[in-house]
Every structure is written in C-alpha cells, then in structure tokens.
Amino acid sequence: MRGESEKIWEFGAKSEKNKGNLSYCILLFLLTATNKFIAYFCRHKFDNIHIKSTIRTFV
C-alpha cells in the first residue's frame, strides 16, 4: 500500500509541474501572438499613411 501512495504522490507532483509548464507556454504564446498582432497592425497602419502621403505628393 505504501508503494501505491508514493506513486500517486509522484504523479501529483509531476502534474503540478506540468501545470506550471502549460501555463508558462500559454503565457508565452499569448505574448507572441499579441506582439505579432501589434507589429502587423502598426505596419498596416503606417503603410496606409505612407501610401496616402505618396499619392498626395504625386497628385
């Protein structure tokens, strides 16, 4: 019986560690996705401004 409880305890400890790794991966994914979204949005916004100013220059 003692061996069984030790196995369960080890599994519990491993699952706690996995929860930490999972939350870290989710946080990293969210930061990466947010960063890519901001970069895309800024690039798109600045490209439009640049195109409009270029059109005004030539027109």
N, C-alpha and C. Protein backbone atom coordinates (compact mmCIF):
# COMPACT_ATOMS: atom_id res chain seq x y z
N MET A 1 0.82 -1.20 0.00
CA MET A 1 0.00 0.00 0.00
C MET A 1 0.86 1.25 0.00
N ARG A 2 1.99 1.17 0.69
CA ARG A 2 2.87 2.33 0.77
C ARG A 2 3.40 2.70 -0.62
N GLY A 3 3.71 1.70 -1.41
CA GLY A 3 4.22 1.97 -2.76
C GLY A 3 3.18 2.66 -3.64
N GLU A 4 1.93 2.27 -3.49
CA GLU A 4 0.85 2.89 -4.27
C GLU A 4 0.71 4.38 -3.95
N SER A 5 0.73 4.72 -2.66
CA SER A 5 0.57 6.12 -2.28
C SER A 5 1.76 6.95 -2.75
N GLU A 6 2.95 6.36 -2.74
CA GLU A 6 4.12 7.08 -3.24
C GLU A 6 3.98 7.35 -4.74
N LYS A 7 3.47 6.36 -5.47
CA LYS A 7 3.27 6.55 -6.91
C LYS A 7 2.26 7.66 -7.18
N ILE A 8 1.18 7.66 -6.41
CA ILE A 8 0.16 8.70 -6.58
C ILE A 8 0.76 10.07 -6.27
N TRP A 9 1.56 10.14 -5.20
CA TRP A 9 2.18 11.42 -4.82
C TRP A 9 3.12 11.90 -5.92
N GLU A 10 3.92 10.97 -6.49
CA GLU A 10 4.83 11.35 -7.58
C GLU A 10 4.04 11.85 -8.78
N PHE A 11 2.94 11.18 -9.09
CA PHE A 11 2.11 11.62 -10.22
C PHE A 11 1.55 13.02 -9.95
N GLY A 12 1.10 13.26 -8.72
CA GLY A 12 0.57 14.58 -8.35
C GLY A 12 1.64 15.65 -8.49
N ALA A 13 2.85 15.33 -8.08
CA ALA A 13 3.94 16.30 -8.18
C ALA A 13 4.26 16.58 -9.65
N LYS A 14 4.24 15.54 -10.46
CA LYS A 14 4.50 15.73 -11.89
C LYS A 14 3.41 16.56 -12.54
N SER A 15 2.15 16.32 -12.17
CA SER A 15 1.06 17.08 -12.79
C SER A 15 1.13 18.54 -12.38
N GLU A 16 1.55 18.83 -11.15
CA GLU A 16 1.73 20.23 -10.73
C GLU A 16 2.82 20.89 -11.57
N LYS A 17 3.90 20.17 -11.81
CA LYS A 17 4.98 20.71 -12.64
C LYS A 17 4.48 20.93 -14.07
N ASN A 18 3.69 19.99 -14.58
CA ASN A 18 3.15 20.14 -15.93
C ASN A 18 2.20 21.32 -16.03
N LYS A 19 1.41 21.57 -14.98
CA LYS A 19 0.52 22.73 -14.98
C LYS A 19 1.33 24.01 -15.07
N GLY A 20 2.46 24.06 -14.36
CA GLY A 20 3.33 25.22 -14.43
C GLY A 20 3.89 25.42 -15.82
N ASN A 21 4.34 24.33 -16.43
CA ASN A 21 4.88 24.41 -17.79
C ASN A 21 3.80 24.82 -18.78
N LEU A 22 2.59 24.28 -18.59
CA LEU A 22 1.50 24.60 -19.50
C LEU A 22 1.12 26.07 -19.40
N SER A 23 1.02 26.59 -18.18
CA SER A 23 0.66 28.00 -18.02
C SER A 23 1.77 28.89 -18.58
N TYR A 24 3.03 28.47 -18.42
CA TYR A 24 4.15 29.23 -18.99
C TYR A 24 4.07 29.24 -20.51
N CYS A 25 3.75 28.10 -21.11
CA CYS A 25 3.63 28.02 -22.57
C CYS A 25 2.47 28.87 -23.08
N ILE A 26 1.34 28.84 -22.36
CA ILE A 26 0.19 29.65 -22.76
C ILE A 26 0.54 31.13 -22.67
N LEU A 27 1.23 31.54 -21.59
CA LEU A 27 1.63 32.93 -21.44
C LEU A 27 2.57 33.34 -22.56
N LEU A 28 3.53 32.48 -22.88
CA LEU A 28 4.47 32.78 -23.96
C LEU A 28 3.75 32.90 -25.29
N PHE A 29 2.79 32.00 -25.55
CA PHE A 29 2.01 32.05 -26.78
C PHE A 29 1.22 33.35 -26.88
N LEU A 30 0.56 33.75 -25.77
CA LEU A 30 -0.23 34.98 -25.78
C LEU A 30 0.66 36.19 -26.02
N LEU A 31 1.82 36.23 -25.39
CA LEU A 31 2.73 37.36 -25.60
C LEU A 31 3.20 37.41 -27.05
N THR A 32 3.52 36.26 -27.61
CA THR A 32 3.98 36.21 -29.01
C THR A 32 2.86 36.63 -29.95
N ALA A 33 1.65 36.12 -29.73
CA ALA A 33 0.53 36.46 -30.60
C ALA A 33 0.20 37.95 -30.50
N THR A 34 0.24 38.50 -29.28
CA THR A 34 -0.04 39.92 -29.10
C THR A 34 1.02 40.76 -29.80
N ASN A 35 2.27 40.35 -29.65
CA ASN A 35 3.37 41.09 -30.27
C ASN A 35 3.24 41.06 -31.79
N LYS A 36 2.90 39.91 -32.36
CA LYS A 36 2.74 39.82 -33.82
C LYS A 36 1.55 40.65 -34.29
N PHE A 37 0.47 40.66 -33.51
CA PHE A 37 -0.71 41.45 -33.88
C PHE A 37 -0.37 42.93 -33.87
N ILE A 38 0.33 43.39 -32.84
CA ILE A 38 0.71 44.81 -32.76
C ILE A 38 1.63 45.16 -33.92
N ALA A 39 2.59 44.30 -34.22
CA ALA A 39 3.51 44.57 -35.32
C ALA A 39 2.76 44.63 -36.65
N TYR A 40 1.84 43.70 -36.87
CA TYR A 40 1.05 43.69 -38.11
C TYR A 40 0.19 44.94 -38.20
N PHE A 41 -0.47 45.29 -37.10
CA PHE A 41 -1.36 46.45 -37.09
C PHE A 41 -0.58 47.73 -37.37
N CYS A 42 0.57 47.88 -36.71
CA CYS A 42 1.38 49.09 -36.90
C CYS A 42 1.90 49.15 -38.33
N ARG A 43 2.37 48.03 -38.85
CA ARG A 43 2.90 48.02 -40.21
C ARG A 43 1.79 48.36 -41.20
N HIS A 44 0.61 47.79 -41.01
CA HIS A 44 -0.51 48.06 -41.90
C HIS A 44 -0.92 49.53 -41.81
N LYS A 45 -0.97 50.05 -40.61
CA LYS A 45 -1.37 51.44 -40.40
C LYS A 45 -0.35 52.38 -41.03
N PHE A 46 0.94 52.14 -40.78
CA PHE A 46 1.97 53.03 -41.31
C PHE A 46 2.10 52.90 -42.82
N ASP A 47 1.85 51.71 -43.36
CA ASP A 47 1.87 51.55 -44.82
C ASP A 47 0.77 52.39 -45.45
N ASN A 48 -0.42 52.40 -44.86
CA ASN A 48 -1.51 53.21 -45.39
C ASN A 48 -1.16 54.69 -45.35
N ILE A 49 -0.58 55.14 -44.25
CA ILE A 49 -0.19 56.55 -44.14
C ILE A 49 0.86 56.87 -45.19
N HIS A 50 1.82 55.97 -45.36
CA HIS A 50 2.89 56.20 -46.33
C HIS A 50 2.32 56.24 -47.75
N ILE A 51 1.41 55.33 -48.07
CA ILE A 51 0.80 55.31 -49.41
C ILE A 51 0.00 56.59 -49.65
N LYS A 52 -0.78 57.01 -48.66
CA LYS A 52 -1.57 58.23 -48.81
C LYS A 52 -0.68 59.44 -49.01
N SER A 53 0.40 59.54 -48.24
CA SER A 53 1.29 60.69 -48.39
C SER A 53 2.00 60.64 -49.74
N THR A 54 2.32 59.45 -50.23
CA THR A 54 2.96 59.32 -51.55
C THR A 54 1.99 59.74 -52.65
N ILE A 55 0.73 59.34 -52.53
CA ILE A 55 -0.27 59.72 -53.53
C ILE A 55 -0.47 61.23 -53.53
N ARG A 56 -0.52 61.83 -52.35
CA ARG A 56 -0.67 63.29 -52.27
C ARG A 56 0.52 64.00 -52.88
N THR A 57 1.71 63.43 -52.74
CA THR A 57 2.91 64.05 -53.29
C THR A 57 2.84 64.06 -54.82
N PHE A 58 2.39 62.97 -55.42
CA PHE A 58 2.37 62.88 -56.87
C PHE A 58 1.14 63.52 -57.48
N VAL A 59 0.08 63.73 -56.73
CA VAL A 59 -1.16 64.28 -57.30
C VAL A 59 -1.21 65.77 -57.18
